[in-house]
C-alpha atoms as a PDB file:
ATOM      1  CA  MET A   1      -0.033  -0.097  -0.172  1.00  0.00           C
ATOM      2  CA  HIS A   2       1.050   3.408  -1.098  1.00  0.00           C
ATOM      3  CA  THR A   3       2.903   5.500   2.287  1.00  0.00           C
ATOM      4  CA  GLY A   4      -0.114   8.285   1.515  1.00  0.00           C
ATOM      5  CA  LEU A   5      -2.465   5.959   1.768  1.00  0.00           C
ATOM      6  CA  LYS A   6      -1.489   4.210   4.887  1.00  0.00           C
ATOM      7  CA  HIS A   7      -1.280   7.081   6.433  1.00  0.00           C
ATOM      8  CA  SER A   8      -4.768   8.197   6.055  1.00  0.00           C
ATOM      9  CA  ALA A   9      -5.797   4.462   6.765  1.00  0.00           C
ATOM     10  CA  ARG A  10      -4.479   4.913   9.950  1.00  0.00           C
ATOM     11  CA  VAL A  11      -6.022   8.132  10.479  1.00  0.00           C
ATOM     12  CA  TYR A  12      -9.528   6.776   9.341  1.00  0.00           C
ATOM     13  CA  LEU A  13      -9.404   4.569  12.276  1.00  0.00           C
ATOM     14  CA  LEU A  14      -8.245   6.970  14.875  1.00  0.00           C
ATOM     15  CA  LEU A  15     -11.137   9.407  14.508  1.00  0.00           C
ATOM     16  CA  CYS A  16     -13.286   6.094  13.987  1.00  0.00           C
ATOM     17  CA  ILE A  17     -12.225   5.176  17.724  1.00  0.00           C
ATOM     18  CA  VAL A  18     -11.912   8.387  18.895  1.00  0.00           C
ATOM     19  CA  LEU A  19     -15.910   8.992  17.311  1.00  0.00           C
ATOM     20  CA  VAL A  20     -16.954   5.626  19.331  1.00  0.00           C
ATOM     21  CA  VAL A  21     -15.456   7.093  22.385  1.00  0.00           C
ATOM     22  CA  PHE A  22     -16.871  10.212  22.552  1.00  0.00           C
ATOM     23  CA  PHE A  23     -20.463   9.133  21.292  1.00  0.00           C
ATOM     24  CA  ILE A  24     -20.247   6.708  24.258  1.00  0.00           C
ATOM     25  CA  LEU A  25     -18.936   9.207  26.863  1.00  0.00           C
ATOM     26  CA  ASP A  26     -21.467  11.878  25.460  1.00  0.00           C
ATOM     27  CA  LEU A  27     -24.401   9.513  26.276  1.00  0.00           C
ATOM     28  CA  ALA A  28     -22.837   9.085  30.064  1.00  0.00           C
ATOM     29  CA  LEU A  29     -22.550  12.868  30.840  1.00  0.00           C
ATOM     30  CA  GLY A  30     -25.625  14.774  32.078  1.00  0.00           C
ATOM     31  CA  SER A  31     -27.569  15.854  34.746  1.00  0.00           C
ATOM     32  CA  VAL A  32     -28.638  12.041  36.114  1.00  0.00           C
ATOM     33  CA  LYS A  33     -25.879   9.963  36.514  1.00  0.00           C
ATOM     34  CA  ILE A  34     -26.079   6.548  34.656  1.00  0.00           C
ATOM     35  CA  PRO A  35     -23.149   4.217  34.874  1.00  0.00           C
ATOM     36  CA  LEU A  36     -20.490   3.802  31.839  1.00  0.00           C
ATOM     37  CA  ASP A  37     -21.649   0.122  31.731  1.00  0.00           C
ATOM     38  CA  GLU A  38     -25.372   0.707  31.786  1.00  0.00           C
ATOM     39  CA  ILE A  39     -24.847   3.105  28.970  1.00  0.00           C
ATOM     40  CA  ILE A  40     -22.892  -0.081  27.027  1.00  0.00           C
ATOM     41  CA  ARG A  41     -25.582  -2.424  28.184  1.00  0.00           C
ATOM     42  CA  THR A  42     -28.651  -0.188  27.175  1.00  0.00           C
ATOM     43  CA  LEU A  43     -26.757   0.288  23.553  1.00  0.00           C
ATOM     44  CA  PHE A  44     -26.043  -3.378  22.716  1.00  0.00           C
ATOM     45  CA  GLN A  45     -29.596  -4.761  24.450  1.00  0.00           C
ATOM     46  CA  GLY A  46     -32.075  -2.029  24.105  1.00  0.00           C
ATOM     47  CA  ASN A  47     -32.334  -1.581  27.955  1.00  0.00           C
ATOM     48  CA  SER A  48     -30.536  -0.980  31.508  1.00  0.00           C
ATOM     49  CA  SER A  49     -31.278  -2.415  35.184  1.00  0.00           C
ATOM     50  CA  ARG A  50     -33.678   1.314  35.554  1.00  0.00           C
ATOM     51  CA  ASP A  51     -36.621   1.626  33.409  1.00  0.00           C
ATOM     52  CA  GLU A  52     -35.664   5.517  33.874  1.00  0.00           C
ATOM     53  CA  TRP A  53     -32.205   4.566  32.907  1.00  0.00           C
ATOM     54  CA  THR A  54     -33.247   3.710  29.798  1.00  0.00           C
ATOM     55  CA  ASN A  55     -36.072   5.961  28.816  1.00  0.00           C
ATOM     56  CA  ILE A  56     -33.241   8.783  29.283  1.00  0.00           C
ATOM     57  CA  ILE A  57     -30.347   6.929  27.302  1.00  0.00           C
ATOM     58  CA  LEU A  58     -32.854   6.219  24.489  1.00  0.00           C
ATOM     59  CA  ASN A  59     -35.163   8.881  24.224  1.00  0.00           C
ATOM     60  CA  PHE A  60     -32.637  11.934  25.346  1.00  0.00           C
ATOM     61  CA  ARG A  61     -29.622  10.983  24.957  1.00  0.00           C
ATOM     62  CA  ILE A  62     -29.154   8.603  21.948  1.00  0.00           C
ATOM     63  CA  PRO A  63     -30.987  11.553  19.935  1.00  0.00           C
ATOM     64  CA  LYS A  64     -28.586  14.468  21.088  1.00  0.00           C
ATOM     65  CA  ALA A  65     -25.066  12.427  20.592  1.00  0.00           C
ATOM     66  CA  ILE A  66     -26.709  11.535  16.822  1.00  0.00           C
ATOM     67  CA  THR A  67     -27.362  15.086  16.455  1.00  0.00           C
ATOM     68  CA  ALA A  68     -24.360  16.572  17.422  1.00  0.00           C
ATOM     69  CA  VAL A  69     -22.539  13.773  14.712  1.00  0.00           C
ATOM     70  CA  LEU A  70     -24.899  14.660  11.811  1.00  0.00           C
ATOM     71  CA  ALA A  71     -24.241  18.716  12.675  1.00  0.00           C
ATOM     72  CA  GLY A  72     -21.233  18.279  12.807  1.00  0.00           C
ATOM     73  CA  ILE A  73     -20.533  16.411   9.796  1.00  0.00           C
ATOM     74  CA  ALA A  74     -22.673  18.797   8.057  1.00  0.00           C
ATOM     75  CA  LEU A  75     -20.960  21.612   9.065  1.00  0.00           C
ATOM     76  CA  SER A  76     -17.374  20.337   8.307  1.00  0.00           C
ATOM     77  CA  ILE A  77     -18.850  19.665   4.589  1.00  0.00           C
ATOM     78  CA  SER A  78     -20.080  22.747   4.065  1.00  0.00           C
ATOM     79  CA  GLY A  79     -16.668  24.474   5.325  1.00  0.00           C
ATOM     80  CA  LEU A  80     -14.796  22.555   3.268  1.00  0.00           C
ATOM     81  CA  GLN A  81     -16.591  22.875   0.043  1.00  0.00           C
ATOM     82  CA  MET A  82     -17.100  26.649   0.760  1.00  0.00           C
ATOM     83  CA  GLN A  83     -13.059  26.804   1.336  1.00  0.00           C
ATOM     84  CA  THR A  84     -11.943  25.182  -1.656  1.00  0.00           C
ATOM     85  CA  ILE A  85     -14.694  26.902  -4.245  1.00  0.00           C
ATOM     86  CA  PHE A  86     -13.218  30.146  -3.042  1.00  0.00           C
ATOM     87  CA  ARG A  87     -10.251  29.256  -2.328  1.00  0.00           C
ATOM     88  CA  ASN A  88      -9.932  30.833   0.924  1.00  0.00           C
ATOM     89  CA  PRO A  89      -8.639  29.329   4.508  1.00  0.00           C
ATOM     90  CA  LEU A  90     -11.696  31.473   6.220  1.00  0.00           C
ATOM     91  CA  ALA A  91     -14.635  30.842   3.960  1.00  0.00           C
ATOM     92  CA  GLY A  92     -17.102  28.755   5.877  1.00  0.00           C
ATOM     93  CA  PRO A  93     -21.236  28.825   5.825  1.00  0.00           C
ATOM     94  CA  TYR A  94     -20.978  31.136   9.362  1.00  0.00           C
ATOM     95  CA  VAL A  95     -18.401  33.718   7.904  1.00  0.00           C
ATOM     96  CA  LEU A  96     -20.077  34.238   4.341  1.00  0.00           C
ATOM     97  CA  GLY A  97     -23.370  34.713   5.988  1.00  0.00           C
ATOM     98  CA  ILE A  98     -25.256  31.457   5.081  1.00  0.00           C
ATOM     99  CA  SER A  99     -25.773  30.755   8.740  1.00  0.00           C
ATOM    100  CA  SER A 100     -27.178  34.314   8.904  1.00  0.00           C
ATOM    101  CA  GLY A 101     -29.285  34.007   6.013  1.00  0.00           C
ATOM    102  CA  ALA A 102     -30.917  30.451   7.791  1.00  0.00           C
ATOM    103  CA  SER A 103     -31.673  32.661  10.660  1.00  0.00           C
ATOM    104  CA  LEU A 104     -33.723  35.368   9.062  1.00  0.00           C
ATOM    105  CA  GLY A 105     -35.599  32.764   7.750  1.00  0.00           C
ATOM    106  CA  VAL A 106     -36.560  31.406  11.316  1.00  0.00           C
ATOM    107  CA  ALA A 107     -36.436  34.646  12.824  1.00  0.00           C
ATOM    108  CA  LEU A 108     -39.449  35.778   9.963  1.00  0.00           C
ATOM    109  CA  VAL A 109     -41.279  32.796  11.307  1.00  0.00           C
ATOM    110  CA  ILE A 110     -40.698  32.715  14.810  1.00  0.00           C
ATOM    111  CA  LEU A 111     -40.976  36.403  15.227  1.00  0.00           C
ATOM    112  CA  GLY A 112     -42.841  37.964  12.036  1.00  0.00           C
ATOM    113  CA  TYR A 113     -45.631  35.738  12.352  1.00  0.00           C
ATOM    114  CA  THR A 114     -46.018  34.600  15.714  1.00  0.00           C
ATOM    115  CA  SER A 115     -50.233  35.021  15.679  1.00  0.00           C
ATOM    116  CA  ILE A 116     -50.340  33.057  12.374  1.00  0.00           C
ATOM    117  CA  VAL A 117     -48.240  29.693  13.230  1.00  0.00           C
ATOM    118  CA  GLY A 118     -47.836  30.270  16.732  1.00  0.00           C
ATOM    119  CA  SER A 119     -50.026  27.143  17.591  1.00  0.00           C
ATOM    120  CA  ILE A 120     -48.314  24.412  15.148  1.00  0.00           C
ATOM    121  CA  PHE A 121     -44.735  25.045  16.144  1.00  0.00           C
ATOM    122  CA  SER A 122     -44.767  22.009  18.409  1.00  0.00           C
ATOM    123  CA  GLY A 123     -45.890  19.548  15.854  1.00  0.00           C
ATOM    124  CA  TRP A 124     -44.359  18.801  12.698  1.00  0.00           C
ATOM    125  CA  ALA A 125     -45.986  21.293  10.471  1.00  0.00           C
ATOM    126  CA  GLY A 126     -43.967  23.374  12.714  1.00  0.00           C
ATOM    127  CA  LYS A 127     -40.538  22.072  11.827  1.00  0.00           C
ATOM    128  CA  TRP A 128     -41.396  21.749   8.140  1.00  0.00           C
ATOM    129  CA  LEU A 129     -41.992  25.639   8.332  1.00  0.00           C
ATOM    130  CA  ILE A 130     -39.439  26.545  10.240  1.00  0.00           C
ATOM    131  CA  VAL A 131     -37.034  24.086   8.064  1.00  0.00           C
ATOM    132  CA  SER A 132     -38.244  25.318   4.692  1.00  0.00           C
ATOM    133  CA  ALA A 133     -37.542  28.931   6.006  1.00  0.00           C
ATOM    134  CA  SER A 134     -33.769  27.932   6.995  1.00  0.00           C
ATOM    135  CA  TRP A 135     -33.524  26.457   3.406  1.00  0.00           C
ATOM    136  CA  VAL A 136     -34.725  29.538   1.925  1.00  0.00           C
ATOM    137  CA  GLY A 137     -33.034  32.341   3.993  1.00  0.00           C
ATOM    138  CA  SER A 138     -29.664  30.191   3.104  1.00  0.00           C
ATOM    139  CA  GLY A 139     -30.403  29.761  -0.511  1.00  0.00           C
ATOM    140  CA  ILE A 140     -31.120  32.836  -1.419  1.00  0.00           C
ATOM    141  CA  VAL A 141     -27.169  34.115   0.779  1.00  0.00           C
ATOM    142  CA  LEU A 142     -25.954  31.956  -1.338  1.00  0.00           C
ATOM    143  CA  PHE A 143     -27.464  32.811  -4.531  1.00  0.00           C
ATOM    144  CA  LEU A 144     -26.454  36.396  -3.678  1.00  0.00           C
ATOM    145  CA  ILE A 145     -22.970  35.043  -3.295  1.00  0.00           C
ATOM    146  CA  MET A 146     -22.993  32.941  -6.349  1.00  0.00           C
ATOM    147  CA  SER A 147     -24.215  35.926  -8.721  1.00  0.00           C
ATOM    148  CA  VAL A 148     -21.330  37.961  -6.827  1.00  0.00           C
ATOM    149  CA  SER A 149     -18.535  35.326  -7.649  1.00  0.00           C
ATOM    150  CA  ALA A 150     -19.695  34.998 -11.048  1.00  0.00           C
ATOM    151  CA  ARG A 151     -18.928  38.897 -11.831  1.00  0.00           C
ATOM    152  CA  ILE A 152     -15.915  39.757  -9.490  1.00  0.00           C
ATOM    153  CA  LYS A 153     -13.196  37.484  -9.789  1.00  0.00           C
ATOM    154  CA  ASP A 154     -11.153  38.677  -6.660  1.00  0.00           C
ATOM    155  CA  ILE A 155     -11.743  35.830  -3.718  1.00  0.00           C
ATOM    156  CA  MET A 156     -11.330  38.048  -0.787  1.00  0.00           C
ATOM    157  CA  THR A 157     -13.983  41.056  -2.243  1.00  0.00           C
ATOM    158  CA  ILE A 158     -16.435  38.460  -2.301  1.00  0.00           C
ATOM    159  CA  LEU A 159     -15.627  36.997   1.513  1.00  0.00           C
ATOM    160  CA  ILE A 160     -16.158  40.683   2.303  1.00  0.00           C
ATOM    161  CA  LEU A 161     -19.681  40.971   0.757  1.00  0.00           C
ATOM    162  CA  GLY A 162     -20.291  37.715   1.950  1.00  0.00           C
ATOM    163  CA  MET A 163     -19.854  39.136   5.773  1.00  0.00           C
ATOM    164  CA  MET A 164     -21.396  42.513   4.327  1.00  0.00           C
ATOM    165  CA  PHE A 165     -24.728  40.031   3.374  1.00  0.00           C
ATOM    166  CA  GLY A 166     -24.217  38.529   6.982  1.00  0.00           C
ATOM    167  CA  SER A 167     -24.058  42.222   8.754  1.00  0.00           C
ATOM    168  CA  ILE A 168     -27.907  43.343   6.631  1.00  0.00           C
ATOM    169  CA  ILE A 169     -29.081  40.295   7.811  1.00  0.00           C
ATOM    170  CA  SER A 170     -28.544  40.685  11.696  1.00  0.00           C
ATOM    171  CA  ALA A 171     -29.628  44.143  11.300  1.00  0.00           C
ATOM    172  CA  ILE A 172     -33.098  43.084   9.769  1.00  0.00           C
ATOM    173  CA  VAL A 173     -33.348  40.312  12.200  1.00  0.00           C
ATOM    174  CA  SER A 174     -32.462  42.910  15.184  1.00  0.00           C
ATOM    175  CA  ALA A 175     -35.429  45.070  14.012  1.00  0.00           C
ATOM    176  CA  LEU A 176     -37.649  41.853  14.233  1.00  0.00           C
ATOM    177  CA  GLN A 177     -36.877  41.361  17.510  1.00  0.00           C
ATOM    178  CA  TYR A 178     -37.351  45.020  18.856  1.00  0.00           C
ATOM    179  CA  PHE A 179     -41.018  44.510  17.575  1.00  0.00           C
ATOM    180  CA  SER A 180     -41.644  40.925  18.378  1.00  0.00           C
ATOM    181  CA  ASP A 181     -43.037  39.056  21.438  1.00  0.00           C
ATOM    182  CA  GLU A 182     -41.036  38.834  24.936  1.00  0.00           C
ATOM    183  CA  ALA A 183     -42.161  35.792  25.113  1.00  0.00           C
ATOM    184  CA  MET A 184     -41.393  34.684  21.322  1.00  0.00           C
ATOM    185  CA  LEU A 185     -38.082  36.757  21.535  1.00  0.00           C
ATOM    186  CA  LYS A 186     -36.528  34.937  24.695  1.00  0.00           C
ATOM    187  CA  SER A 187     -37.250  31.650  22.523  1.00  0.00           C
ATOM    188  CA  TYR A 188     -35.427  32.961  19.592  1.00  0.00           C
ATOM    189  CA  VAL A 189     -32.658  34.224  22.138  1.00  0.00           C
ATOM    190  CA  ILE A 190     -32.127  31.001  22.866  1.00  0.00           C
ATOM    191  CA  TRP A 191     -32.408  29.292  19.951  1.00  0.00           C
ATOM    192  CA  THR A 192     -29.156  31.771  18.818  1.00  0.00           C
ATOM    193  CA  MET A 193     -27.338  30.437  21.308  1.00  0.00           C
ATOM    194  CA  GLY A 194     -27.013  26.710  20.064  1.00  0.00           C
ATOM    195  CA  SER A 195     -27.915  23.534  20.855  1.00  0.00           C
ATOM    196  CA  VAL A 196     -28.256  19.756  20.241  1.00  0.00           C
ATOM    197  CA  SER A 197     -30.720  18.837  22.922  1.00  0.00           C
ATOM    198  CA  ASN A 198     -33.738  20.042  20.928  1.00  0.00           C
ATOM    199  CA  VAL A 199     -34.403  17.543  18.327  1.00  0.00           C
ATOM    200  CA  SER A 200     -36.601  14.624  19.659  1.00  0.00           C
ATOM    201  CA  GLY A 201     -36.881  11.124  17.893  1.00  0.00           C
ATOM    202  CA  GLU A 202     -39.586  11.712  15.722  1.00  0.00           C
ATOM    203  CA  GLN A 203     -37.984  15.011  14.343  1.00  0.00           C
ATOM    204  CA  LEU A 204     -34.398  13.481  14.036  1.00  0.00           C
ATOM    205  CA  TYR A 205     -35.937  11.467  11.286  1.00  0.00           C
ATOM    206  CA  LEU A 206     -36.730  14.400   9.330  1.00  0.00           C
ATOM    207  CA  PHE A 207     -33.085  16.504  10.628  1.00  0.00           C
ATOM    208  CA  SER A 208     -31.243  13.021   9.259  1.00  0.00           C
ATOM    209  CA  GLY A 209     -33.072  12.535   6.378  1.00  0.00           C
ATOM    210  CA  SER A 210     -32.296  16.024   5.107  1.00  0.00           C
ATOM    211  CA  ILE A 211     -28.375  15.867   5.961  1.00  0.00           C
ATOM    212  CA  LEU A 212     -28.356  12.419   4.311  1.00  0.00           C
ATOM    213  CA  VAL A 213     -29.382  14.334   1.148  1.00  0.00           C
ATOM    214  CA  GLY A 214     -27.030  16.796   1.558  1.00  0.00           C
ATOM    215  CA  LEU A 215     -24.171  14.721   2.125  1.00  0.00           C
ATOM    216  CA  LEU A 216     -25.138  12.741  -0.812  1.00  0.00           C
ATOM    217  CA  ILE A 217     -25.090  15.713  -2.997  1.00  0.00           C
ATOM    218  CA  SER A 218     -21.917  17.144  -1.505  1.00  0.00           C
ATOM    219  CA  LEU A 219     -20.259  13.494  -2.407  1.00  0.00           C
ATOM    220  CA  SER A 220     -21.045  13.465  -6.048  1.00  0.00           C
ATOM    221  CA  SER A 221     -19.278  17.308  -5.861  1.00  0.00           C
ATOM    222  CA  VAL A 222     -15.574  15.676  -5.404  1.00  0.00           C
ATOM    223  CA  LYS A 223     -14.550  15.604  -8.552  1.00  0.00           C
ATOM    224  CA  PHE A 224     -15.707  18.928  -9.355  1.00  0.00           C
ATOM    225  CA  LEU A 225     -13.857  20.059  -6.188  1.00  0.00           C
ATOM    226  CA  ASN A 226     -10.336  18.768  -7.057  1.00  0.00           C
ATOM    227  CA  MET A 227     -10.677  20.403 -10.534  1.00  0.00           C
ATOM    228  CA  LEU A 228     -11.567  23.528  -8.823  1.00  0.00           C
ATOM    229  CA  LEU A 229      -8.460  23.400  -7.094  1.00  0.00           C
ATOM    230  CA  LEU A 230      -6.161  24.248 -10.230  1.00  0.00           C
ATOM    231  CA  GLY A 231      -8.133  27.376 -10.515  1.00  0.00           C
ATOM    232  CA  GLU A 232     -11.363  28.044 -12.592  1.00  0.00           C
ATOM    233  CA  ASN A 233     -10.262  28.725 -16.208  1.00  0.00           C
ATOM    234  CA  TYR A 234      -7.816  25.520 -16.001  1.00  0.00           C
ATOM    235  CA  ALA A 235     -11.199  23.403 -14.556  1.00  0.00           C
ATOM    236  CA  GLN A 236     -13.143  24.454 -17.445  1.00  0.00           C
ATOM    237  CA  THR A 237     -10.311  23.804 -20.424  1.00  0.00           C
ATOM    238  CA  LEU A 238     -10.785  20.045 -18.449  1.00  0.00           C
ATOM    239  CA  GLY A 239     -14.215  20.135 -19.209  1.00  0.00           C
ATOM    240  CA  LEU A 240     -15.987  21.414 -16.425  1.00  0.00           C
ATOM    241  CA  ASN A 241     -19.304  22.964 -16.375  1.00  0.00           C
ATOM    242  CA  LEU A 242     -18.178  25.580 -13.938  1.00  0.00           C
ATOM    243  CA  LYS A 243     -22.237  26.723 -13.534  1.00  0.00           C
ATOM    244  CA  LEU A 244     -23.599  23.165 -12.939  1.00  0.00           C
ATOM    245  CA  ALA A 245     -20.386  22.717 -10.012  1.00  0.00           C
ATOM    246  CA  ARG A 246     -21.382  25.731  -8.474  1.00  0.00           C
ATOM    247  CA  LEU A 247     -25.155  25.178  -8.722  1.00  0.00           C
ATOM    248  CA  ILE A 248     -24.211  21.660  -7.064  1.00  0.00           C
ATOM    249  CA  ILE A 249     -21.978  22.739  -4.370  1.00  0.00           C
ATOM    250  CA  PHE A 250     -24.258  25.858  -3.555  1.00  0.00           C
ATOM    251  CA  LEU A 251     -27.239  23.507  -3.396  1.00  0.00           C
ATOM    252  CA  SER A 252     -25.592  20.818  -0.706  1.00  0.00           C
ATOM    253  CA  THR A 253     -23.799  23.304   1.486  1.00  0.00           C
ATOM    254  CA  SER A 254     -27.538  25.211   1.622  1.00  0.00           C
ATOM    255  CA  ILE A 255     -29.474  22.364   2.827  1.00  0.00           C
ATOM    256  CA  LEU A 256     -27.005  21.051   4.676  1.00  0.00           C
ATOM    257  CA  THR A 257     -26.121  24.766   6.932  1.00  0.00           C
ATOM    258  CA  GLY A 258     -29.599  25.277   6.467  1.00  0.00           C
ATOM    259  CA  THR A 259     -31.128  22.126   8.394  1.00  0.00           C
ATOM    260  CA  VAL A 260     -28.377  22.586  11.262  1.00  0.00           C
ATOM    261  CA  THR A 261     -29.477  26.313  11.790  1.00  0.00           C
ATOM    262  CA  ALA A 262     -33.186  24.997  11.622  1.00  0.00           C
ATOM    263  CA  PHE A 263     -32.853  22.799  14.117  1.00  0.00           C
ATOM    264  CA  CYS A 264     -29.840  23.974  16.227  1.00  0.00           C
ATOM    265  CA  GLY A 265     -29.430  26.808  16.062  1.00  0.00           C
ATOM    266  CA  PRO A 266     -26.669  29.163  14.066  1.00  0.00           C
ATOM    267  CA  ILE A 267     -23.873  27.196  15.499  1.00  0.00           C
ATOM    268  CA  GLY A 268     -20.117  28.720  14.658  1.00  0.00           C
ATOM    269  CA  PHE A 269     -16.530  28.021  13.657  1.00  0.00           C
ATOM    270  CA  ILE A 270     -17.101  24.187  13.064  1.00  0.00           C
ATOM    271  CA  GLY A 271     -17.236  24.762   9.280  1.00  0.00           C
ATOM    272  CA  ILE A 272     -14.179  26.878   9.219  1.00  0.00           C
ATOM    273  CA  ALA A 273     -11.535  25.023  11.740  1.00  0.00           C
ATOM    274  CA  VAL A 274     -12.505  21.180  11.053  1.00  0.00           C
ATOM    275  CA  PRO A 275     -11.273  20.984   7.051  1.00  0.00           C
ATOM    276  CA  HIS A 276      -8.346  22.727   8.400  1.00  0.00           C
ATOM    277  CA  LEU A 277      -7.677  19.941  11.294  1.00  0.00           C
ATOM    278  CA  SER A 278      -8.628  17.402   8.236  1.00  0.00           C
ATOM    279  CA  ARG A 279      -5.299  19.076   5.735  1.00  0.00           C
ATOM    280  CA  LEU A 280      -3.002  19.212   9.083  1.00  0.00           C
ATOM    281  CA  MET A 281      -3.721  15.478   9.641  1.00  0.00           C
ATOM    282  CA  LEU A 282      -3.402  14.500   6.235  1.00  0.00           C
ATOM    283  CA  LYS A 283      -1.410  16.909   4.282  1.00  0.00           C
ATOM    284  CA  THR A 284      -3.241  16.510   1.422  1.00  0.00           C
ATOM    285  CA  GLY A 285      -5.041  18.305  -1.160  1.00  0.00           C
ATOM    286  CA  ASP A 286      -7.387  15.625  -1.958  1.00  0.00           C
ATOM    287  CA  GLN A 287     -11.368  16.483  -1.506  1.00  0.00           C
ATOM    288  CA  LYS A 288     -11.755  12.545  -1.494  1.00  0.00           C
ATOM    289  CA  GLN A 289      -9.946  12.174   1.526  1.00  0.00           C
ATOM    290  CA  LEU A 290     -10.176  15.146   3.057  1.00  0.00           C
ATOM    291  CA  MET A 291     -13.806  15.031   3.091  1.00  0.00           C
ATOM    292  CA  VAL A 292     -13.954  11.473   4.456  1.00  0.00           C
ATOM    293  CA  THR A 293     -11.629  12.922   7.452  1.00  0.00           C
ATOM    294  CA  SER A 294     -14.151  15.721   7.877  1.00  0.00           C
ATOM    295  CA  ILE A 295     -16.688  13.708   8.149  1.00  0.00           C
ATOM    296  CA  LEU A 296     -15.214  11.841  10.979  1.00  0.00           C
ATOM    297  CA  ALA A 297     -13.522  14.726  12.644  1.00  0.00           C
ATOM    298  CA  GLY A 298     -16.522  16.913  12.515  1.00  0.00           C
ATOM    299  CA  ALA A 299     -18.538  14.665  13.836  1.00  0.00           C
ATOM    300  CA  CYS A 300     -15.614  14.040  16.846  1.00  0.00           C
ATOM    301  CA  VAL A 301     -15.538  17.682  17.455  1.00  0.00           C
ATOM    302  CA  MET A 302     -19.069  18.322  17.785  1.00  0.00           C
ATOM    303  CA  LEU A 303     -19.081  15.258  20.357  1.00  0.00           C
ATOM    304  CA  LEU A 304     -16.633  16.768  22.234  1.00  0.00           C
ATOM    305  CA  SER A 305     -18.242  20.260  22.004  1.00  0.00           C
ATOM    306  CA  ASP A 306     -21.703  18.883  23.380  1.00  0.00           C
ATOM    307  CA  MET A 307     -19.587  16.983  26.161  1.00  0.00           C
ATOM    308  CA  LEU A 308     -17.733  20.326  27.213  1.00  0.00           C
ATOM    309  CA  SER A 309     -20.974  21.973  27.443  1.00  0.00           C
ATOM    310  CA  ILE A 310     -22.380  20.408  30.420  1.00  0.00           C
ATOM    311  CA  ILE A 311     -21.322  21.585  33.709  1.00  0.00           C
ATOM    312  CA  PRO A 312     -20.722  18.230  36.448  1.00  0.00           C
ATOM    313  CA  GLY A 313     -22.401  18.433  39.196  1.00  0.00           C
ATOM    314  CA  ASN A 314     -25.543  20.932  38.834  1.00  0.00           C
ATOM    315  CA  GLY A 315     -27.195  20.103  35.621  1.00  0.00           C
ATOM    316  CA  MET A 316     -26.583  23.409  33.836  1.00  0.00           C
ATOM    317  CA  VAL A 317     -25.776  23.504  30.024  1.00  0.00           C
ATOM    318  CA  LEU A 318     -23.553  26.074  28.563  1.00  0.00           C
ATOM    319  CA  PRO A 319     -24.489  27.475  25.070  1.00  0.00           C
ATOM    320  CA  LEU A 320     -23.122  25.516  22.341  1.00  0.00           C
ATOM    321  CA  ASN A 321     -21.670  28.385  20.475  1.00  0.00           C
ATOM    322  CA  THR A 322     -19.800  29.566  23.465  1.00  0.00           C
ATOM    323  CA  VAL A 323     -17.940  25.893  23.708  1.00  0.00           C
ATOM    324  CA  THR A 324     -16.965  25.969  19.404  1.00  0.00           C
ATOM    325  CA  ALA A 325     -15.928  29.060  19.369  1.00  0.00           C
ATOM    326  CA  ILE A 326     -13.410  28.402  22.171  1.00  0.00           C
ATOM    327  CA  ILE A 327     -12.395  25.537  20.142  1.00  0.00           C
ATOM    328  CA  GLY A 328     -12.457  27.024  17.190  1.00  0.00           C
ATOM    329  CA  ILE A 329     -11.104  29.950  17.284  1.00  0.00           C
ATOM    330  CA  PRO A 330      -7.757  29.005  18.615  1.00  0.00           C
ATOM    331  CA  ILE A 331      -7.626  27.418  15.283  1.00  0.00           C
ATOM    332  CA  VAL A 332      -8.461  30.049  12.739  1.00  0.00           C
ATOM    333  CA  ILE A 333      -5.838  31.955  14.703  1.00  0.00           C
ATOM    334  CA  TYR A 334      -3.154  29.690  14.540  1.00  0.00           C
ATOM    335  CA  ILE A 335      -4.247  29.097  10.313  1.00  0.00           C
ATOM    336  CA  ILE A 336      -3.897  33.015   9.658  1.00  0.00           C
ATOM    337  CA  MET A 337      -0.419  33.217  11.612  1.00  0.00           C
ATOM    338  CA  ARG A 338       0.732  30.352   9.703  1.00  0.00           C
ATOM    339  CA  ASN A 339      -0.037  31.823   6.630  1.00  0.00           C
ATOM    340  CA  ARG A 340       1.424  34.992   7.196  1.00  0.00           C
ATOM    341  CA  VAL A 341       4.835  33.310   8.204  1.00  0.00           C
ATOM    342  CA  ALA A 342       4.659  31.043   4.944  1.00  0.00           C
ATOM    343  CA  ARG A 343       4.342  34.083   2.969  1.00  0.00           C
END
């Protein structure tokens, strides 16, 4: 086996082991202390020695852990795609305003039309409405970015414009918050802090199905991403349909980011940090290998973030965005400093 492939295989194996360990540890942490052997017994046999433990593990902690895994995968893949297509290490769904667009869609539903749809928020119709609004919001921002990128070749300008889109959207959301109902305002503010514990077992089917669709579309774009690494002009000479490639990449990013934002809130820095961690581990630019590593690493990092958000002893939980910022910001700073030193 080639040396590079051996190294990649070792990285995959290590990440798989870490993922399994983190998943089990995430199930063990919470306000109710459950022995680790009972966690493992429930995973393999479907029940524990106490009914209440079984209920907590199966109906609350497993859906939460699965949500964390899927959210980490979705944000990491979105970040990898954005960094590749814009050829910028700081590009990501959060920085480019895509998450802000999804947040605006959710804000319009929760804060703008409370009197109309307030009665159905707890049901499937309400969840579909929020998810659809999130998809549309992220899709609109992606369309704007795509339109700008077709006319402006300077990548940094596109990145700055994406941040400006995010700032404009934040201003609109602030106006909605100012005129909204007090109870719904509190709900929206809590939602913006990020959480993977709000997805119930029934909602998990919708969440996982949407992520799976976005992930399958992303996997189909691997060839496009590898060609885009050579530059758009050269990729076109190789026969790449640039408009189709952008459409597929932006569509998958919109679905992945919009779905995570709708269910978990606008979670930052995972999409920027994890692709860089994958590059550091593999030391390659091959998008197929990076995508596999980003999937595994993203799931591990999000599970770690969820575990760190739980404060032992008092049952309190930190906002997920607080933890992801603490993990992600040092990585982003390191990448910026390393790039400057390289120059």
